[in-house]
Amino acid sequence: MRRGPTGLYHTTSVAKETIRAFIPDPLPPEPALELSDQRYPLLERATVSLGRLDSVTLLLPEPNIFLYSYVRREAVLSSQIEGPQSSLGQLLLFEMEQMPGVPLDDVRPMRQLEQLN
């Protein structure tokens, strides 16, 4: 079964910048997914992978710290596409307010970015 577009792009302005956001269609999809013999093994692999990921979080002493670091790392990598050259260490030190002189253009605390949204 072929499906058409699964959502729409919405253009908006945030902090004087125009952005395009993809807004997916609500779930469950219309028409409903057909689970053919070819899709069951894929669904099973995905379910097992999610179970493994969930079990790994039980081994972490503090999952929130891991998540915090991962989100910051992803933010640094994403921002480097636009040009800033701050490292993850610089961002973390800046957020702890222990690194004076870090250029504000390259490193912004998450609380400032959250206020923009």
PDB file of N, CA and C in Angstrom:
ATOM      1  N   MET A   1       0.844  -1.174   0.000  1.00  0.00           N
ATOM      2  CA  MET A   1       0.000   0.000   0.000  1.00  0.00           C
ATOM      3  C   MET A   1       0.893   1.242   0.000  1.00  0.00           C
ATOM      4  N   ARG A   2       0.633   2.137  -0.874  1.00  0.00           N
ATOM      5  CA  ARG A   2       1.354   3.410  -0.945  1.00  0.00           C
ATOM      6  C   ARG A   2       0.603   4.451  -0.140  1.00  0.00           C
ATOM      7  N   ARG A   3       1.343   5.249   0.598  1.00  0.00           N
ATOM      8  CA  ARG A   3       0.742   6.337   1.368  1.00  0.00           C
ATOM      9  C   ARG A   3       1.215   7.661   0.784  1.00  0.00           C
ATOM     10  N   GLY A   4       0.423   8.669   0.973  1.00  0.00           N
ATOM     11  CA  GLY A   4       0.808  10.015   0.574  1.00  0.00           C
ATOM     12  C   GLY A   4       1.624  10.651   1.685  1.00  0.00           C
ATOM     13  N   PRO A   5       1.688  11.954   1.708  1.00  0.00           N
ATOM     14  CA  PRO A   5       2.419  12.656   2.754  1.00  0.00           C
ATOM     15  C   PRO A   5       1.882  12.286   4.143  1.00  0.00           C
ATOM     16  N   THR A   6       2.775  12.215   5.104  1.00  0.00           N
ATOM     17  CA  THR A   6       2.386  11.822   6.464  1.00  0.00           C
ATOM     18  C   THR A   6       2.312  13.018   7.407  1.00  0.00           C
ATOM     19  N   GLY A   7       2.266  14.205   6.870  1.00  0.00           N
ATOM     20  CA  GLY A   7       2.170  15.415   7.676  1.00  0.00           C
ATOM     21  C   GLY A   7       2.345  16.638   6.797  1.00  0.00           C
ATOM     22  N   LEU A   8       2.435  17.786   7.449  1.00  0.00           N
ATOM     23  CA  LEU A   8       2.584  19.056   6.738  1.00  0.00           C
ATOM     24  C   LEU A   8       3.722  19.866   7.333  1.00  0.00           C
ATOM     25  N   TYR A   9       4.308  20.731   6.514  1.00  0.00           N
ATOM     26  CA  TYR A   9       5.285  21.691   7.017  1.00  0.00           C
ATOM     27  C   TYR A   9       4.562  22.969   7.411  1.00  0.00           C
ATOM     28  N   HIS A  10       4.934  23.504   8.562  1.00  0.00           N
ATOM     29  CA  HIS A  10       4.338  24.740   9.062  1.00  0.00           C
ATOM     30  C   HIS A  10       5.458  25.765   9.206  1.00  0.00           C
ATOM     31  N   THR A  11       5.302  26.930   8.617  1.00  0.00           N
ATOM     32  CA  THR A  11       6.293  27.990   8.703  1.00  0.00           C
ATOM     33  C   THR A  11       5.884  28.973   9.787  1.00  0.00           C
ATOM     34  N   THR A  12       6.853  29.320  10.658  1.00  0.00           N
ATOM     35  CA  THR A  12       6.588  30.238  11.759  1.00  0.00           C
ATOM     36  C   THR A  12       7.851  31.039  12.050  1.00  0.00           C
ATOM     37  N   SER A  13       7.735  32.038  12.885  1.00  0.00           N
ATOM     38  CA  SER A  13       8.888  32.844  13.286  1.00  0.00           C
ATOM     39  C   SER A  13       9.148  32.648  14.765  1.00  0.00           C
ATOM     40  N   VAL A  14      10.419  32.442  15.089  1.00  0.00           N
ATOM     41  CA  VAL A  14      10.861  32.300  16.476  1.00  0.00           C
ATOM     42  C   VAL A  14      12.102  33.157  16.638  1.00  0.00           C
ATOM     43  N   ALA A  15      12.073  34.059  17.599  1.00  0.00           N
ATOM     44  CA  ALA A  15      13.218  34.935  17.872  1.00  0.00           C
ATOM     45  C   ALA A  15      13.704  35.627  16.590  1.00  0.00           C
ATOM     46  N   LYS A  16      12.773  36.183  15.850  1.00  0.00           N
ATOM     47  CA  LYS A  16      13.051  36.920  14.613  1.00  0.00           C
ATOM     48  C   LYS A  16      13.679  36.054  13.529  1.00  0.00           C
ATOM     49  N   GLU A  17      13.485  34.743  13.623  1.00  0.00           N
ATOM     50  CA  GLU A  17      14.001  33.832  12.628  1.00  0.00           C
ATOM     51  C   GLU A  17      12.858  32.976  12.102  1.00  0.00           C
ATOM     52  N   THR A  18      12.787  32.829  10.797  1.00  0.00           N
ATOM     53  CA  THR A  18      11.740  32.009  10.189  1.00  0.00           C
ATOM     54  C   THR A  18      12.203  30.555  10.163  1.00  0.00           C
ATOM     55  N   ILE A  19      11.339  29.672  10.643  1.00  0.00           N
ATOM     56  CA  ILE A  19      11.668  28.248  10.653  1.00  0.00           C
ATOM     57  C   ILE A  19      10.518  27.459  10.041  1.00  0.00           C
ATOM     58  N   ARG A  20      10.836  26.277   9.526  1.00  0.00           N
ATOM     59  CA  ARG A  20       9.823  25.345   9.025  1.00  0.00           C
ATOM     60  C   ARG A  20       9.818  24.143   9.948  1.00  0.00           C
ATOM     61  N   ALA A  21       8.667  23.810  10.465  1.00  0.00           N
ATOM     62  CA  ALA A  21       8.526  22.652  11.347  1.00  0.00           C
ATOM     63  C   ALA A  21       7.637  21.623  10.676  1.00  0.00           C
ATOM     64  N   PHE A  22       8.013  20.370  10.776  1.00  0.00           N
ATOM     65  CA  PHE A  22       7.193  19.294  10.229  1.00  0.00           C
ATOM     66  C   PHE A  22       6.202  18.862  11.298  1.00  0.00           C
ATOM     67  N   ILE A  23       4.928  18.935  10.986  1.00  0.00           N
ATOM     68  CA  ILE A  23       3.862  18.533  11.898  1.00  0.00           C
ATOM     69  C   ILE A  23       3.282  17.227  11.362  1.00  0.00           C
ATOM     70  N   PRO A  24       3.566  16.098  12.045  1.00  0.00           N
ATOM     71  CA  PRO A  24       3.060  14.816  11.546  1.00  0.00           C
ATOM     72  C   PRO A  24       1.556  14.698  11.732  1.00  0.00           C
ATOM     73  N   ASP A  25       0.950  13.878  10.905  1.00  0.00           N
ATOM     74  CA  ASP A  25      -0.475  13.579  11.056  1.00  0.00           C
ATOM     75  C   ASP A  25      -0.692  12.833  12.370  1.00  0.00           C
ATOM     76  N   PRO A  26      -1.870  12.958  12.968  1.00  0.00           N
ATOM     77  CA  PRO A  26      -2.127  12.247  14.226  1.00  0.00           C
ATOM     78  C   PRO A  26      -2.131  10.729  14.018  1.00  0.00           C
ATOM     79  N   LEU A  27      -1.853  10.028  15.102  1.00  0.00           N
ATOM     80  CA  LEU A  27      -1.879   8.565  15.083  1.00  0.00           C
ATOM     81  C   LEU A  27      -3.179   8.074  15.678  1.00  0.00           C
ATOM     82  N   PRO A  28      -3.695   6.940  15.346  1.00  0.00           N
ATOM     83  CA  PRO A  28      -3.210   6.004  14.338  1.00  0.00           C
ATOM     84  C   PRO A  28      -3.496   6.518  12.935  1.00  0.00           C
ATOM     85  N   PRO A  29      -2.704   6.058  11.967  1.00  0.00           N
ATOM     86  CA  PRO A  29      -2.874   6.554  10.592  1.00  0.00           C
ATOM     87  C   PRO A  29      -4.172   6.064   9.962  1.00  0.00           C
ATOM     88  N   GLU A  30      -4.630   6.809   8.991  1.00  0.00           N
ATOM     89  CA  GLU A  30      -5.805   6.428   8.202  1.00  0.00           C
ATOM     90  C   GLU A  30      -5.347   6.249   6.766  1.00  0.00           C
ATOM     91  N   PRO A  31      -5.522   5.178   6.112  1.00  0.00           N
ATOM     92  CA  PRO A  31      -6.038   3.904   6.582  1.00  0.00           C
ATOM     93  C   PRO A  31      -5.030   3.239   7.518  1.00  0.00           C
ATOM     94  N   ALA A  32      -5.505   2.304   8.308  1.00  0.00           N
ATOM     95  CA  ALA A  32      -4.658   1.616   9.278  1.00  0.00           C
ATOM     96  C   ALA A  32      -3.530   0.862   8.577  1.00  0.00           C
ATOM     97  N   LEU A  33      -2.415   0.694   9.299  1.00  0.00           N
ATOM     98  CA  LEU A  33      -1.290  -0.058   8.760  1.00  0.00           C
ATOM     99  C   LEU A  33      -1.678  -1.522   8.563  1.00  0.00           C
ATOM    100  N   GLU A  34      -1.189  -2.081   7.492  1.00  0.00           N
ATOM    101  CA  GLU A  34      -1.388  -3.503   7.248  1.00  0.00           C
ATOM    102  C   GLU A  34      -0.114  -4.228   7.659  1.00  0.00           C
ATOM    103  N   LEU A  35      -0.217  -5.120   8.635  1.00  0.00           N
ATOM    104  CA  LEU A  35       0.944  -5.877   9.075  1.00  0.00           C
ATOM    105  C   LEU A  35       1.044  -7.153   8.245  1.00  0.00           C
ATOM    106  N   SER A  36       1.797  -7.066   7.183  1.00  0.00           N
ATOM    107  CA  SER A  36       1.976  -8.211   6.291  1.00  0.00           C
ATOM    108  C   SER A  36       3.037  -9.142   6.872  1.00  0.00           C
ATOM    109  N   ASP A  37       3.221 -10.285   6.233  1.00  0.00           N
ATOM    110  CA  ASP A  37       4.241 -11.242   6.669  1.00  0.00           C
ATOM    111  C   ASP A  37       5.637 -10.634   6.613  1.00  0.00           C
ATOM    112  N   GLN A  38       5.851  -9.669   5.742  1.00  0.00           N
ATOM    113  CA  GLN A  38       7.158  -9.019   5.631  1.00  0.00           C
ATOM    114  C   GLN A  38       7.382  -8.017   6.767  1.00  0.00           C
ATOM    115  N   ARG A  39       6.329  -7.445   7.301  1.00  0.00           N
ATOM    116  CA  ARG A  39       6.476  -6.416   8.333  1.00  0.00           C
ATOM    117  C   ARG A  39       6.587  -6.985   9.742  1.00  0.00           C
ATOM    118  N   TYR A  40       6.054  -8.174   9.994  1.00  0.00           N
ATOM    119  CA  TYR A  40       6.121  -8.749  11.334  1.00  0.00           C
ATOM    120  C   TYR A  40       7.556  -8.911  11.840  1.00  0.00           C
ATOM    121  N   PRO A  41       8.489  -9.427  11.033  1.00  0.00           N
ATOM    122  CA  PRO A  41       9.877  -9.529  11.529  1.00  0.00           C
ATOM    123  C   PRO A  41      10.477  -8.158  11.851  1.00  0.00           C
ATOM    124  N   LEU A  42      10.142  -7.144  11.059  1.00  0.00           N
ATOM    125  CA  LEU A  42      10.647  -5.796  11.331  1.00  0.00           C
ATOM    126  C   LEU A  42      10.066  -5.244  12.623  1.00  0.00           C
ATOM    127  N   LEU A  43       8.782  -5.479  12.835  1.00  0.00           N
ATOM    128  CA  LEU A  43       8.142  -5.037  14.070  1.00  0.00           C
ATOM    129  C   LEU A  43       8.750  -5.747  15.272  1.00  0.00           C
ATOM    130  N   GLU A  44       9.022  -7.034  15.129  1.00  0.00           N
ATOM    131  CA  GLU A  44       9.623  -7.797  16.219  1.00  0.00           C
ATOM    132  C   GLU A  44      11.027  -7.285  16.542  1.00  0.00           C
ATOM    133  N   ARG A  45      11.833  -7.009  15.514  1.00  0.00           N
ATOM    134  CA  ARG A  45      13.183  -6.462  15.742  1.00  0.00           C
ATOM    135  C   ARG A  45      13.115  -5.120  16.446  1.00  0.00           C
ATOM    136  N   ALA A  46      12.186  -4.267  16.031  1.00  0.00           N
ATOM    137  CA  ALA A  46      12.045  -2.948  16.656  1.00  0.00           C
ATOM    138  C   ALA A  46      11.627  -3.086  18.118  1.00  0.00           C
ATOM    139  N   THR A  47      10.710  -4.000  18.400  1.00  0.00           N
ATOM    140  CA  THR A  47      10.239  -4.206  19.768  1.00  0.00           C
ATOM    141  C   THR A  47      11.365  -4.731  20.655  1.00  0.00           C
ATOM    142  N   VAL A  48      12.144  -5.672  20.156  1.00  0.00           N
ATOM    143  CA  VAL A  48      13.287  -6.199  20.918  1.00  0.00           C
ATOM    144  C   VAL A  48      14.309  -5.098  21.179  1.00  0.00           C
ATOM    145  N   SER A  49      14.580  -4.268  20.178  1.00  0.00           N
ATOM    146  CA  SER A  49      15.548  -3.172  20.345  1.00  0.00           C
ATOM    147  C   SER A  49      15.077  -2.175  21.395  1.00  0.00           C
ATOM    148  N   LEU A  50      13.800  -1.850  21.382  1.00  0.00           N
ATOM    149  CA  LEU A  50      13.270  -0.944  22.404  1.00  0.00           C
ATOM    150  C   LEU A  50      13.368  -1.563  23.797  1.00  0.00           C
ATOM    151  N   GLY A  51      13.128  -2.871  23.900  1.00  0.00           N
ATOM    152  CA  GLY A  51      13.270  -3.559  25.177  1.00  0.00           C
ATOM    153  C   GLY A  51      14.695  -3.520  25.685  1.00  0.00           C
ATOM    154  N   ARG A  52      15.656  -3.711  24.797  1.00  0.00           N
ATOM    155  CA  ARG A  52      17.077  -3.632  25.188  1.00  0.00           C
ATOM    156  C   ARG A  52      17.427  -2.231  25.672  1.00  0.00           C
ATOM    157  N   LEU A  53      16.986  -1.232  24.945  1.00  0.00           N
ATOM    158  CA  LEU A  53      17.259   0.147  25.345  1.00  0.00           C
ATOM    159  C   LEU A  53      16.652   0.447  26.709  1.00  0.00           C
ATOM    160  N   ASP A  54      15.433  -0.010  26.925  1.00  0.00           N
ATOM    161  CA  ASP A  54      14.775   0.201  28.211  1.00  0.00           C
ATOM    162  C   ASP A  54      15.526  -0.504  29.330  1.00  0.00           C
ATOM    163  N   SER A  55      16.018  -1.723  29.079  1.00  0.00           N
ATOM    164  CA  SER A  55      16.734  -2.445  30.123  1.00  0.00           C
ATOM    165  C   SER A  55      18.072  -1.804  30.442  1.00  0.00           C
ATOM    166  N   VAL A  56      18.729  -1.189  29.453  1.00  0.00           N
ATOM    167  CA  VAL A  56      19.999  -0.516  29.707  1.00  0.00           C
ATOM    168  C   VAL A  56      19.803   0.648  30.669  1.00  0.00           C
ATOM    169  N   THR A  57      18.675   1.332  30.571  1.00  0.00           N
ATOM    170  CA  THR A  57      18.443   2.468  31.470  1.00  0.00           C
ATOM    171  C   THR A  57      18.345   2.020  32.925  1.00  0.00           C
ATOM    172  N   LEU A  58      17.997   0.757  33.160  1.00  0.00           N
ATOM    173  CA  LEU A  58      17.949   0.246  34.535  1.00  0.00           C
ATOM    174  C   LEU A  58      19.344   0.113  35.137  1.00  0.00           C
ATOM    175  N   LEU A  59      20.364  -0.005  34.282  1.00  0.00           N
ATOM    176  CA  LEU A  59      21.739  -0.140  34.754  1.00  0.00           C
ATOM    177  C   LEU A  59      22.379   1.204  35.083  1.00  0.00           C
ATOM    178  N   LEU A  60      21.813   2.285  34.587  1.00  0.00           N
ATOM    179  CA  LEU A  60      22.387   3.609  34.831  1.00  0.00           C
ATOM    180  C   LEU A  60      22.057   4.056  36.249  1.00  0.00           C
ATOM    181  N   PRO A  61      23.069   4.549  36.981  1.00  0.00           N
ATOM    182  CA  PRO A  61      22.791   5.010  38.340  1.00  0.00           C
ATOM    183  C   PRO A  61      21.862   6.231  38.369  1.00  0.00           C
ATOM    184  N   GLU A  62      21.993   7.119  37.377  1.00  0.00           N
ATOM    185  CA  GLU A  62      21.154   8.319  37.316  1.00  0.00           C
ATOM    186  C   GLU A  62      20.829   8.616  35.861  1.00  0.00           C
ATOM    187  N   PRO A  63      19.738   8.054  35.333  1.00  0.00           N
ATOM    188  CA  PRO A  63      19.405   8.237  33.913  1.00  0.00           C
ATOM    189  C   PRO A  63      19.245   9.702  33.508  1.00  0.00           C
ATOM    190  N   ASN A  64      18.793  10.555  34.415  1.00  0.00           N
ATOM    191  CA  ASN A  64      18.599  11.966  34.059  1.00  0.00           C
ATOM    192  C   ASN A  64      19.911  12.655  33.724  1.00  0.00           C
ATOM    193  N   ILE A  65      20.987  12.281  34.399  1.00  0.00           N
ATOM    194  CA  ILE A  65      22.293  12.873  34.084  1.00  0.00           C
ATOM    195  C   ILE A  65      22.749  12.425  32.704  1.00  0.00           C
ATOM    196  N   PHE A  66      22.540  11.149  32.392  1.00  0.00           N
ATOM    197  CA  PHE A  66      22.879  10.648  31.065  1.00  0.00           C
ATOM    198  C   PHE A  66      22.084  11.392  30.004  1.00  0.00           C
ATOM    199  N   LEU A  67      20.798  11.548  30.218  1.00  0.00           N
ATOM    200  CA  LEU A  67      19.937  12.230  29.260  1.00  0.00           C
ATOM    201  C   LEU A  67      20.367  13.690  29.105  1.00  0.00           C
ATOM    202  N   TYR A  68      20.668  14.354  30.209  1.00  0.00           N
ATOM    203  CA  TYR A  68      21.121  15.744  30.183  1.00  0.00           C
ATOM    204  C   TYR A  68      22.378  15.870  29.317  1.00  0.00           C
ATOM    205  N   SER A  69      23.354  14.995  29.545  1.00  0.00           N
ATOM    206  CA  SER A  69      24.604  15.054  28.786  1.00  0.00           C
ATOM    207  C   SER A  69      24.366  14.748  27.313  1.00  0.00           C
ATOM    208  N   TYR A  70      23.526  13.777  27.031  1.00  0.00           N
ATOM    209  CA  TYR A  70      23.252  13.405  25.649  1.00  0.00           C
ATOM    210  C   TYR A  70      22.572  14.549  24.896  1.00  0.00           C
ATOM    211  N   VAL A  71      21.606  15.192  25.527  1.00  0.00           N
ATOM    212  CA  VAL A  71      20.903  16.313  24.884  1.00  0.00           C
ATOM    213  C   VAL A  71      21.875  17.455  24.628  1.00  0.00           C
ATOM    214  N   ARG A  72      22.758  17.736  25.593  1.00  0.00           N
ATOM    215  CA  ARG A  72      23.745  18.810  25.398  1.00  0.00           C
ATOM    216  C   ARG A  72      24.712  18.460  24.265  1.00  0.00           C
ATOM    217  N   ARG A  73      25.152  17.208  24.208  1.00  0.00           N
ATOM    218  CA  ARG A  73      26.069  16.787  23.144  1.00  0.00           C
ATOM    219  C   ARG A  73      25.397  16.952  21.785  1.00  0.00           C
ATOM    220  N   GLU A  74      24.151  16.534  21.682  1.00  0.00           N
ATOM    221  CA  GLU A  74      23.417  16.677  20.432  1.00  0.00           C
ATOM    222  C   GLU A  74      23.255  18.151  20.057  1.00  0.00           C
ATOM    223  N   ALA A  75      23.015  19.006  21.050  1.00  0.00           N
ATOM    224  CA  ALA A  75      22.881  20.442  20.782  1.00  0.00           C
ATOM    225  C   ALA A  75      24.179  21.013  20.233  1.00  0.00           C
ATOM    226  N   VAL A  76      25.306  20.605  20.797  1.00  0.00           N
ATOM    227  CA  VAL A  76      26.607  21.095  20.318  1.00  0.00           C
ATOM    228  C   VAL A  76      26.845  20.637  18.885  1.00  0.00           C
ATOM    229  N   LEU A  77      26.605  19.358  18.612  1.00  0.00           N
ATOM    230  CA  LEU A  77      26.820  18.851  17.251  1.00  0.00           C
ATOM    231  C   LEU A  77      25.897  19.529  16.249  1.00  0.00           C
ATOM    232  N   SER A  78      24.647  19.747  16.630  1.00  0.00           N
ATOM    233  CA  SER A  78      23.695  20.405  15.730  1.00  0.00           C
ATOM    234  C   SER A  78      24.089  21.854  15.484  1.00  0.00           C
ATOM    235  N   SER A  79      24.547  22.543  16.529  1.00  0.00           N
ATOM    236  CA  SER A  79      24.882  23.954  16.363  1.00  0.00           C
ATOM    237  C   SER A  79      26.138  24.130  15.527  1.00  0.00           C
ATOM    238  N   GLN A  80      27.029  23.138  15.525  1.00  0.00           N
ATOM    239  CA  GLN A  80      28.253  23.265  14.739  1.00  0.00           C
ATOM    240  C   GLN A  80      27.956  23.290  13.246  1.00  0.00           C
ATOM    241  N   ILE A  81      26.800  22.815  12.846  1.00  0.00           N
ATOM    242  CA  ILE A  81      26.395  22.915  11.446  1.00  0.00           C
ATOM    243  C   ILE A  81      26.265  24.381  11.053  1.00  0.00           C
ATOM    244  N   GLU A  82      25.832  25.206  12.010  1.00  0.00           N
ATOM    245  CA  GLU A  82      25.613  26.627  11.740  1.00  0.00           C
ATOM    246  C   GLU A  82      26.859  27.470  11.951  1.00  0.00           C
ATOM    247  N   GLY A  83      27.939  26.888  12.472  1.00  0.00           N
ATOM    248  CA  GLY A  83      29.177  27.644  12.586  1.00  0.00           C
ATOM    249  C   GLY A  83      29.801  27.765  13.963  1.00  0.00           C
ATOM    250  N   PRO A  84      29.058  27.793  15.078  1.00  0.00           N
ATOM    251  CA  PRO A  84      29.717  27.928  16.383  1.00  0.00           C
ATOM    252  C   PRO A  84      30.692  26.783  16.631  1.00  0.00           C
ATOM    253  N   GLN A  85      31.790  27.084  17.280  1.00  0.00           N
ATOM    254  CA  GLN A  85      32.837  26.083  17.492  1.00  0.00           C
ATOM    255  C   GLN A  85      33.013  25.730  18.959  1.00  0.00           C
ATOM    256  N   SER A  86      31.991  25.846  19.749  1.00  0.00           N
ATOM    257  CA  SER A  86      32.071  25.483  21.156  1.00  0.00           C
ATOM    258  C   SER A  86      32.073  23.974  21.309  1.00  0.00           C
ATOM    259  N   SER A  87      32.783  23.512  22.326  1.00  0.00           N
ATOM    260  CA  SER A  87      32.807  22.082  22.603  1.00  0.00           C
ATOM    261  C   SER A  87      31.766  21.753  23.666  1.00  0.00           C
ATOM    262  N   LEU A  88      31.524  20.474  23.860  1.00  0.00           N
ATOM    263  CA  LEU A  88      30.601  20.043  24.903  1.00  0.00           C
ATOM    264  C   LEU A  88      31.121  20.484  26.270  1.00  0.00           C
ATOM    265  N   GLY A  89      32.421  20.354  26.488  1.00  0.00           N
ATOM    266  CA  GLY A  89      33.014  20.779  27.758  1.00  0.00           C
ATOM    267  C   GLY A  89      32.805  22.263  28.016  1.00  0.00           C
ATOM    268  N   GLN A  90      32.995  23.091  26.982  1.00  0.00           N
ATOM    269  CA  GLN A  90      32.777  24.530  27.144  1.00  0.00           C
ATOM    270  C   GLN A  90      31.330  24.827  27.492  1.00  0.00           C
ATOM    271  N   LEU A  91      30.403  24.140  26.844  1.00  0.00           N
ATOM    272  CA  LEU A  91      28.993  24.357  27.130  1.00  0.00           C
ATOM    273  C   LEU A  91      28.667  23.986  28.571  1.00  0.00           C
ATOM    274  N   LEU A  92      29.133  22.828  29.014  1.00  0.00           N
ATOM    275  CA  LEU A  92      28.846  22.391  30.383  1.00  0.00           C
ATOM    276  C   LEU A  92      29.472  23.326  31.404  1.00  0.00           C
ATOM    277  N   LEU A  93      30.713  23.764  31.164  1.00  0.00           N
ATOM    278  CA  LEU A  93      31.356  24.709  32.087  1.00  0.00           C
ATOM    279  C   LEU A  93      30.625  26.042  32.098  1.00  0.00           C
ATOM    280  N   PHE A  94      30.196  26.497  30.917  1.00  0.00           N
ATOM    281  CA  PHE A  94      29.466  27.756  30.844  1.00  0.00           C
ATOM    282  C   PHE A  94      28.161  27.659  31.633  1.00  0.00           C
ATOM    283  N   GLU A  95      27.461  26.544  31.490  1.00  0.00           N
ATOM    284  CA  GLU A  95      26.207  26.375  32.211  1.00  0.00           C
ATOM    285  C   GLU A  95      26.437  26.334  33.721  1.00  0.00           C
ATOM    286  N   MET A  96      27.600  25.861  34.132  1.00  0.00           N
ATOM    287  CA  MET A  96      27.918  25.840  35.563  1.00  0.00           C
ATOM    288  C   MET A  96      28.476  27.193  36.012  1.00  0.00           C
ATOM    289  N   GLU A  97      28.570  28.154  35.077  1.00  0.00           N
ATOM    290  CA  GLU A  97      29.056  29.513  35.345  1.00  0.00           C
ATOM    291  C   GLU A  97      30.466  29.513  35.919  1.00  0.00           C
ATOM    292  N   GLN A  98      31.311  28.600  35.401  1.00  0.00           N
ATOM    293  CA  GLN A  98      32.696  28.528  35.845  1.00  0.00           C
ATOM    294  C   GLN A  98      33.681  28.887  34.735  1.00  0.00           C
ATOM    295  N   MET A  99      33.176  29.367  33.622  1.00  0.00           N
ATOM    296  CA  MET A  99      34.074  29.673  32.521  1.00  0.00           C
ATOM    297  C   MET A  99      33.795  31.070  31.984  1.00  0.00           C
ATOM    298  N   PRO A 100      34.366  32.093  32.598  1.00  0.00           N
ATOM    299  CA  PRO A 100      34.156  33.445  32.081  1.00  0.00           C
ATOM    300  C   PRO A 100      34.839  33.610  30.721  1.00  0.00           C
ATOM    301  N   GLY A 101      34.232  34.449  29.906  1.00  0.00           N
ATOM    302  CA  GLY A 101      34.841  34.775  28.630  1.00  0.00           C
ATOM    303  C   GLY A 101      34.450  33.891  27.469  1.00  0.00           C
ATOM    304  N   VAL A 102      33.586  32.920  27.668  1.00  0.00           N
ATOM    305  CA  VAL A 102      33.130  32.106  26.541  1.00  0.00           C
ATOM    306  C   VAL A 102      32.212  32.980  25.693  1.00  0.00           C
ATOM    307  N   PRO A 103      32.445  33.071  24.387  1.00  0.00           N
ATOM    308  CA  PRO A 103      31.613  33.935  23.539  1.00  0.00           C
ATOM    309  C   PRO A 103      30.140  33.535  23.599  1.00  0.00           C
ATOM    310  N   LEU A 104      29.290  34.499  23.893  1.00  0.00           N
ATOM    311  CA  LEU A 104      27.863  34.219  23.985  1.00  0.00           C
ATOM    312  C   LEU A 104      27.274  33.831  22.646  1.00  0.00           C
ATOM    313  N   ASP A 105      27.930  34.243  21.559  1.00  0.00           N
ATOM    314  CA  ASP A 105      27.415  33.871  20.240  1.00  0.00           C
ATOM    315  C   ASP A 105      27.559  32.375  19.982  1.00  0.00           C
ATOM    316  N   ASP A 106      28.558  31.751  20.595  1.00  0.00           N
ATOM    317  CA  ASP A 106      28.791  30.334  20.362  1.00  0.00           C
ATOM    318  C   ASP A 106      28.144  29.436  21.406  1.00  0.00           C
ATOM    319  N   VAL A 107      27.975  29.925  22.617  1.00  0.00           N
ATOM    320  CA  VAL A 107      27.417  29.112  23.698  1.00  0.00           C
ATOM    321  C   VAL A 107      26.316  29.897  24.371  1.00  0.00           C
ATOM    322  N   ARG A 108      25.122  29.329  24.385  1.00  0.00           N
ATOM    323  CA  ARG A 108      24.003  29.934  25.098  1.00  0.00           C
ATOM    324  C   ARG A 108      23.457  28.902  26.069  1.00  0.00           C
ATOM    325  N   PRO A 109      23.196  29.294  27.305  1.00  0.00           N
ATOM    326  CA  PRO A 109      22.603  28.326  28.232  1.00  0.00           C
ATOM    327  C   PRO A 109      21.236  27.893  27.731  1.00  0.00           C
ATOM    328  N   MET A 110      20.870  26.641  28.017  1.00  0.00           N
ATOM    329  CA  MET A 110      19.586  26.105  27.583  1.00  0.00           C
ATOM    330  C   MET A 110      18.430  26.939  28.121  1.00  0.00           C
ATOM    331  N   ARG A 111      18.582  27.523  29.312  1.00  0.00           N
ATOM    332  CA  ARG A 111      17.475  28.308  29.865  1.00  0.00           C
ATOM    333  C   ARG A 111      17.163  29.500  28.973  1.00  0.00           C
ATOM    334  N   GLN A 112      18.163  30.092  28.304  1.00  0.00           N
ATOM    335  CA  GLN A 112      17.902  31.195  27.374  1.00  0.00           C
ATOM    336  C   GLN A 112      17.154  30.681  26.149  1.00  0.00           C
ATOM    337  N   LEU A 113      17.567  29.523  25.631  1.00  0.00           N
ATOM    338  CA  LEU A 113      16.917  28.967  24.449  1.00  0.00           C
ATOM    339  C   LEU A 113      15.482  28.570  24.764  1.00  0.00           C
ATOM    340  N   GLU A 114      15.246  28.048  25.975  1.00  0.00           N
ATOM    341  CA  GLU A 114      13.891  27.659  26.354  1.00  0.00           C
ATOM    342  C   GLU A 114      12.991  28.875  26.454  1.00  0.00           C
ATOM    343  N   GLN A 115      13.539  30.032  26.879  1.00  0.00           N
ATOM    344  CA  GLN A 115      12.730  31.246  26.991  1.00  0.00           C
ATOM    345  C   GLN A 115      12.310  31.751  25.616  1.00  0.00           C
ATOM    346  N   LEU A 116      13.111  31.448  24.581  1.00  0.00           N
ATOM    347  CA  LEU A 116      12.768  31.892  23.237  1.00  0.00           C
ATOM    348  C   LEU A 116      11.570  31.141  22.690  1.00  0.00           C
ATOM    349  N   ASN A 117      11.369  29.916  23.170  1.00  0.00           N
ATOM    350  CA  ASN A 117      10.260  29.093  22.670  1.00  0.00           C
ATOM    351  C   ASN A 117       9.059  29.362  23.448  1.00  0.00           C
TER     352      ASN A 117
END
